[in-house]
PDB file of N, CA and C in Angstrom:
ATOM      1  N   UNK A   1      37.769 -25.774 -52.246  1.00  0.00           N
ATOM      2  CA  UNK A   1      38.424 -25.308 -50.961  1.00  0.00           C
ATOM      3  C   UNK A   1      38.239 -23.827 -50.668  1.00  0.00           C
ATOM      4  N   UNK A   2      38.277 -23.074 -51.753  1.00  0.00           N
ATOM      5  CA  UNK A   2      37.930 -21.578 -51.564  1.00  0.00           C
ATOM      6  C   UNK A   2      36.649 -21.344 -51.134  1.00  0.00           C
ATOM      7  N   UNK A   3      35.669 -22.131 -51.391  1.00  0.00           N
ATOM      8  CA  UNK A   3      34.201 -21.959 -50.966  1.00  0.00           C
ATOM      9  C   UNK A   3      34.147 -22.001 -49.377  1.00  0.00           C
ATOM     10  N   UNK A   4      34.986 -22.824 -48.658  1.00  0.00           N
ATOM     11  CA  UNK A   4      34.965 -22.906 -47.337  1.00  0.00           C
ATOM     12  C   UNK A   4      35.188 -21.622 -46.692  1.00  0.00           C
ATOM     13  N   UNK A   5      36.113 -20.796 -47.225  1.00  0.00           N
ATOM     14  CA  UNK A   5      36.358 -19.365 -46.680  1.00  0.00           C
ATOM     15  C   UNK A   5      35.280 -18.624 -46.776  1.00  0.00           C
ATOM     16  N   UNK A   6      34.304 -18.845 -47.624  1.00  0.00           N
ATOM     17  CA  UNK A   6      33.059 -18.082 -47.777  1.00  0.00           C
ATOM     18  C   UNK A   6      31.947 -18.679 -46.890  1.00  0.00           C
ATOM     19  N   UNK A   7      31.902 -20.084 -46.947  1.00  0.00           N
ATOM     20  CA  UNK A   7      30.701 -20.686 -46.170  1.00  0.00           C
ATOM     21  C   UNK A   7      30.911 -20.808 -44.637  1.00  0.00           C
ATOM     22  N   UNK A   8      32.012 -20.942 -44.222  1.00  0.00           N
ATOM     23  CA  UNK A   8      32.194 -21.044 -42.647  1.00  0.00           C
ATOM     24  C   UNK A   8      31.597 -19.843 -42.023  1.00  0.00           C
ATOM     25  N   UNK A   9      32.220 -18.607 -42.388  1.00  0.00           N
ATOM     26  CA  UNK A   9      31.665 -17.308 -41.749  1.00  0.00           C
ATOM     27  C   UNK A   9      30.258 -17.301 -41.740  1.00  0.00           C
ATOM     28  N   UNK A  10      29.627 -17.730 -43.004  1.00  0.00           N
ATOM     29  CA  UNK A  10      28.021 -17.694 -43.210  1.00  0.00           C
ATOM     30  C   UNK A  10      27.480 -18.555 -42.118  1.00  0.00           C
ATOM     31  N   UNK A  11      28.032 -19.841 -41.865  1.00  0.00           N
ATOM     32  CA  UNK A  11      27.447 -20.740 -40.906  1.00  0.00           C
ATOM     33  C   UNK A  11      27.628 -20.348 -39.486  1.00  0.00           C
ATOM     34  N   UNK A  12      28.759 -19.644 -39.284  1.00  0.00           N
ATOM     35  CA  UNK A  12      28.936 -18.983 -37.917  1.00  0.00           C
ATOM     36  C   UNK A  12      27.886 -18.029 -37.588  1.00  0.00           C
ATOM     37  N   UNK A  13      27.810 -17.249 -38.655  1.00  0.00           N
ATOM     38  CA  UNK A  13      26.674 -16.050 -38.563  1.00  0.00           C
ATOM     39  C   UNK A  13      25.353 -16.471 -38.482  1.00  0.00           C
ATOM     40  N   UNK A  14      24.890 -17.733 -39.189  1.00  0.00           N
ATOM     41  CA  UNK A  14      23.500 -18.240 -38.824  1.00  0.00           C
ATOM     42  C   UNK A  14      23.457 -18.920 -37.503  1.00  0.00           C
ATOM     43  N   UNK A  15      24.390 -19.542 -37.006  1.00  0.00           N
ATOM     44  CA  UNK A  15      24.449 -20.092 -35.621  1.00  0.00           C
ATOM     45  C   UNK A  15      24.332 -18.983 -34.584  1.00  0.00           C
ATOM     46  N   UNK A  16      25.090 -18.043 -34.752  1.00  0.00           N
ATOM     47  CA  UNK A  16      25.137 -16.874 -33.789  1.00  0.00           C
ATOM     48  C   UNK A  16      23.482 -16.225 -33.929  1.00  0.00           C
ATOM     49  N   UNK A  17      23.039 -16.043 -34.961  1.00  0.00           N
ATOM     50  CA  UNK A  17      21.830 -15.452 -35.150  1.00  0.00           C
ATOM     51  C   UNK A  17      20.711 -16.390 -34.536  1.00  0.00           C
ATOM     52  N   UNK A  18      20.828 -17.745 -34.655  1.00  0.00           N
ATOM     53  CA  UNK A  18      19.893 -18.630 -34.082  1.00  0.00           C
ATOM     54  C   UNK A  18      20.003 -18.747 -32.730  1.00  0.00           C
ATOM     55  N   UNK A  19      21.112 -18.581 -32.034  1.00  0.00           N
ATOM     56  CA  UNK A  19      21.269 -18.555 -30.633  1.00  0.00           C
ATOM     57  C   UNK A  19      20.828 -17.202 -29.950  1.00  0.00           C
ATOM     58  N   UNK A  20      20.929 -16.153 -30.651  1.00  0.00           N
ATOM     59  CA  UNK A  20      20.464 -14.848 -30.190  1.00  0.00           C
ATOM     60  C   UNK A  20      18.933 -14.801 -30.140  1.00  0.00           C
ATOM     61  N   UNK A  21      18.351 -15.440 -31.236  1.00  0.00           N
ATOM     62  CA  UNK A  21      16.933 -15.611 -31.402  1.00  0.00           C
ATOM     63  C   UNK A  21      16.355 -16.499 -30.377  1.00  0.00           C
ATOM     64  N   UNK A  22      17.025 -17.491 -30.018  1.00  0.00           N
ATOM     65  CA  UNK A  22      16.552 -18.432 -28.995  1.00  0.00           C
ATOM     66  C   UNK A  22      16.483 -17.646 -27.517  1.00  0.00           C
ATOM     67  N   UNK A  23      17.593 -16.936 -27.271  1.00  0.00           N
ATOM     68  CA  UNK A  23      17.696 -16.252 -26.016  1.00  0.00           C
ATOM     69  C   UNK A  23      16.666 -15.219 -25.996  1.00  0.00           C
ATOM     70  N   UNK A  24      16.310 -14.507 -26.985  1.00  0.00           N
ATOM     71  CA  UNK A  24      15.435 -13.436 -27.085  1.00  0.00           C
ATOM     72  C   UNK A  24      14.107 -14.047 -26.912  1.00  0.00           C
ATOM     73  N   UNK A  25      13.745 -15.183 -27.380  1.00  0.00           N
ATOM     74  CA  UNK A  25      12.474 -15.815 -27.209  1.00  0.00           C
ATOM     75  C   UNK A  25      12.248 -16.382 -25.643  1.00  0.00           C
ATOM     76  N   UNK A  26      13.397 -16.874 -25.154  1.00  0.00           N
ATOM     77  CA  UNK A  26      13.291 -17.295 -23.640  1.00  0.00           C
ATOM     78  C   UNK A  26      13.182 -16.093 -22.765  1.00  0.00           C
ATOM     79  N   UNK A  27      13.943 -15.009 -23.006  1.00  0.00           N
ATOM     80  CA  UNK A  27      13.772 -13.811 -22.249  1.00  0.00           C
ATOM     81  C   UNK A  27      12.376 -13.044 -22.365  1.00  0.00           C
ATOM     82  N   UNK A  28      11.664 -13.238 -23.476  1.00  0.00           N
ATOM     83  CA  UNK A  28      10.407 -12.671 -23.559  1.00  0.00           C
ATOM     84  C   UNK A  28       9.150 -13.635 -23.236  1.00  0.00           C
ATOM     85  N   UNK A  29       9.568 -14.669 -22.566  1.00  0.00           N
ATOM     86  CA  UNK A  29       8.471 -15.569 -22.053  1.00  0.00           C
ATOM     87  C   UNK A  29       7.827 -16.543 -23.104  1.00  0.00           C
ATOM     88  N   UNK A  30       8.311 -16.710 -24.131  1.00  0.00           N
ATOM     89  CA  UNK A  30       7.820 -17.576 -25.157  1.00  0.00           C
ATOM     90  C   UNK A  30       7.607 -19.079 -24.731  1.00  0.00           C
ATOM     91  N   UNK A  31       8.474 -19.406 -23.699  1.00  0.00           N
ATOM     92  CA  UNK A  31       8.398 -20.856 -23.300  1.00  0.00           C
ATOM     93  C   UNK A  31       8.056 -20.963 -21.862  1.00  0.00           C
ATOM     94  N   UNK A  32       7.371 -19.915 -21.425  1.00  0.00           N
ATOM     95  CA  UNK A  32       6.875 -19.921 -19.855  1.00  0.00           C
ATOM     96  C   UNK A  32       5.782 -20.824 -19.824  1.00  0.00           C
ATOM     97  N   UNK A  33       4.750 -20.903 -20.471  1.00  0.00           N
ATOM     98  CA  UNK A  33       3.459 -21.647 -20.373  1.00  0.00           C
ATOM     99  C   UNK A  33       3.257 -22.214 -21.624  1.00  0.00           C
ATOM    100  N   UNK A  34       3.680 -23.529 -21.809  1.00  0.00           N
ATOM    101  CA  UNK A  34       3.466 -24.331 -22.952  1.00  0.00           C
ATOM    102  C   UNK A  34       2.171 -25.039 -23.067  1.00  0.00           C
ATOM    103  N   UNK A  35       1.455 -25.249 -21.847  1.00  0.00           N
ATOM    104  CA  UNK A  35       0.269 -26.093 -21.906  1.00  0.00           C
ATOM    105  C   UNK A  35      -0.975 -25.291 -22.094  1.00  0.00           C
ATOM    106  N   UNK A  36      -0.982 -24.081 -21.889  1.00  0.00           N
ATOM    107  CA  UNK A  36      -2.308 -23.378 -21.973  1.00  0.00           C
ATOM    108  C   UNK A  36      -2.709 -23.089 -23.474  1.00  0.00           C
ATOM    109  N   UNK A  37      -1.608 -22.800 -24.342  1.00  0.00           N
ATOM    110  CA  UNK A  37      -1.898 -22.643 -25.628  1.00  0.00           C
ATOM    111  C   UNK A  37      -2.362 -23.965 -26.382  1.00  0.00           C
ATOM    112  N   UNK A  38      -1.859 -25.144 -25.987  1.00  0.00           N
ATOM    113  CA  UNK A  38      -2.192 -26.344 -26.407  1.00  0.00           C
ATOM    114  C   UNK A  38      -3.618 -26.685 -26.082  1.00  0.00           C
ATOM    115  N   UNK A  39      -4.010 -26.465 -24.972  1.00  0.00           N
ATOM    116  CA  UNK A  39      -5.386 -26.724 -24.309  1.00  0.00           C
ATOM    117  C   UNK A  39      -6.475 -25.727 -25.002  1.00  0.00           C
ATOM    118  N   UNK A  40      -5.923 -24.594 -25.381  1.00  0.00           N
ATOM    119  CA  UNK A  40      -6.898 -23.513 -25.855  1.00  0.00           C
ATOM    120  C   UNK A  40      -7.312 -24.088 -27.377  1.00  0.00           C
ATOM    121  N   UNK A  41      -6.278 -24.694 -28.018  1.00  0.00           N
ATOM    122  CA  UNK A  41      -6.688 -25.120 -29.280  1.00  0.00           C
ATOM    123  C   UNK A  41      -7.718 -26.233 -29.277  1.00  0.00           C
ATOM    124  N   UNK A  42      -7.451 -27.096 -28.326  1.00  0.00           N
ATOM    125  CA  UNK A  42      -8.355 -28.272 -28.220  1.00  0.00           C
ATOM    126  C   UNK A  42      -9.729 -27.898 -27.752  1.00  0.00           C
ATOM    127  N   UNK A  43      -9.721 -26.988 -26.883  1.00  0.00           N
ATOM    128  CA  UNK A  43     -11.097 -26.631 -26.002  1.00  0.00           C
ATOM    129  C   UNK A  43     -11.525 -25.324 -26.367  1.00  0.00           C
ATOM    130  N   UNK A  44     -11.245 -24.743 -27.426  1.00  0.00           N
ATOM    131  CA  UNK A  44     -11.764 -23.313 -27.769  1.00  0.00           C
ATOM    132  C   UNK A  44     -13.212 -23.313 -27.917  1.00  0.00           C
ATOM    133  N   UNK A  45     -13.859 -24.393 -28.449  1.00  0.00           N
ATOM    134  CA  UNK A  45     -15.285 -24.323 -28.506  1.00  0.00           C
ATOM    135  C   UNK A  45     -15.963 -24.271 -27.318  1.00  0.00           C
ATOM    136  N   UNK A  46     -15.445 -24.961 -26.379  1.00  0.00           N
ATOM    137  CA  UNK A  46     -16.129 -25.071 -24.989  1.00  0.00           C
ATOM    138  C   UNK A  46     -16.068 -23.682 -24.278  1.00  0.00           C
ATOM    139  N   UNK A  47     -14.980 -22.964 -24.379  1.00  0.00           N
ATOM    140  CA  UNK A  47     -14.789 -21.620 -23.793  1.00  0.00           C
ATOM    141  C   UNK A  47     -15.746 -20.718 -24.539  1.00  0.00           C
ATOM    142  N   UNK A  48     -15.954 -20.726 -25.918  1.00  0.00           N
ATOM    143  CA  UNK A  48     -16.968 -19.932 -26.504  1.00  0.00           C
ATOM    144  C   UNK A  48     -18.500 -20.233 -26.114  1.00  0.00           C
ATOM    145  N   UNK A  49     -18.673 -21.525 -25.934  1.00  0.00           N
ATOM    146  CA  UNK A  49     -19.998 -21.872 -25.638  1.00  0.00           C
ATOM    147  C   UNK A  49     -20.386 -21.475 -24.219  1.00  0.00           C
ATOM    148  N   UNK A  50     -19.379 -21.596 -23.277  1.00  0.00           N
ATOM    149  CA  UNK A  50     -19.634 -21.126 -21.960  1.00  0.00           C
ATOM    150  C   UNK A  50     -19.692 -19.717 -21.940  1.00  0.00           C
ATOM    151  N   UNK A  51     -19.030 -18.876 -22.563  1.00  0.00           N
ATOM    152  CA  UNK A  51     -19.164 -17.379 -22.546  1.00  0.00           C
ATOM    153  C   UNK A  51     -20.456 -17.013 -23.173  1.00  0.00           C
ATOM    154  N   UNK A  52     -20.923 -17.775 -24.292  1.00  0.00           N
ATOM    155  CA  UNK A  52     -22.206 -17.478 -24.819  1.00  0.00           C
ATOM    156  C   UNK A  52     -23.476 -17.734 -23.968  1.00  0.00           C
ATOM    157  N   UNK A  53     -23.133 -18.877 -23.137  1.00  0.00           N
ATOM    158  CA  UNK A  53     -24.292 -19.301 -22.321  1.00  0.00           C
ATOM    159  C   UNK A  53     -24.351 -18.459 -21.033  1.00  0.00           C
ATOM    160  N   UNK A  54     -23.289 -17.826 -20.586  1.00  0.00           N
ATOM    161  CA  UNK A  54     -23.151 -16.933 -19.606  1.00  0.00           C
ATOM    162  C   UNK A  54     -23.718 -15.524 -19.882  1.00  0.00           C
ATOM    163  N   UNK A  55     -23.526 -15.221 -21.298  1.00  0.00           N
ATOM    164  CA  UNK A  55     -24.120 -14.132 -21.760  1.00  0.00           C
ATOM    165  C   UNK A  55     -25.561 -14.126 -21.835  1.00  0.00           C
ATOM    166  N   UNK A  56     -26.084 -15.235 -22.374  1.00  0.00           N
ATOM    167  CA  UNK A  56     -27.535 -15.546 -22.334  1.00  0.00           C
ATOM    168  C   UNK A  56     -28.188 -15.487 -20.978  1.00  0.00           C
ATOM    169  N   UNK A  57     -27.541 -16.180 -19.971  1.00  0.00           N
ATOM    170  CA  UNK A  57     -28.053 -16.070 -18.663  1.00  0.00           C
ATOM    171  C   UNK A  57     -28.206 -14.679 -18.048  1.00  0.00           C
ATOM    172  N   UNK A  58     -27.332 -13.836 -18.345  1.00  0.00           N
ATOM    173  CA  UNK A  58     -27.164 -12.486 -17.866  1.00  0.00           C
ATOM    174  C   UNK A  58     -28.331 -11.569 -18.341  1.00  0.00           C
ATOM    175  N   UNK A  59     -28.759 -11.913 -19.662  1.00  0.00           N
ATOM    176  CA  UNK A  59     -29.866 -11.151 -20.212  1.00  0.00           C
ATOM    177  C   UNK A  59     -31.153 -11.420 -19.537  1.00  0.00           C
TER     178      UNK A  59
END
């Protein structure tokens, strides 16, 4: 029973820290554009190939 007096404030501290971290991420734009990063992972090779092809055409 005595451990609850120690664990409850720690749990409240962790929850407060998680909420603060979440709002920090939202305010800094971490969740603004979720689709672009997913597409960049899938189609990264196409972007590099196009930029290399554009570079070759310019020469």
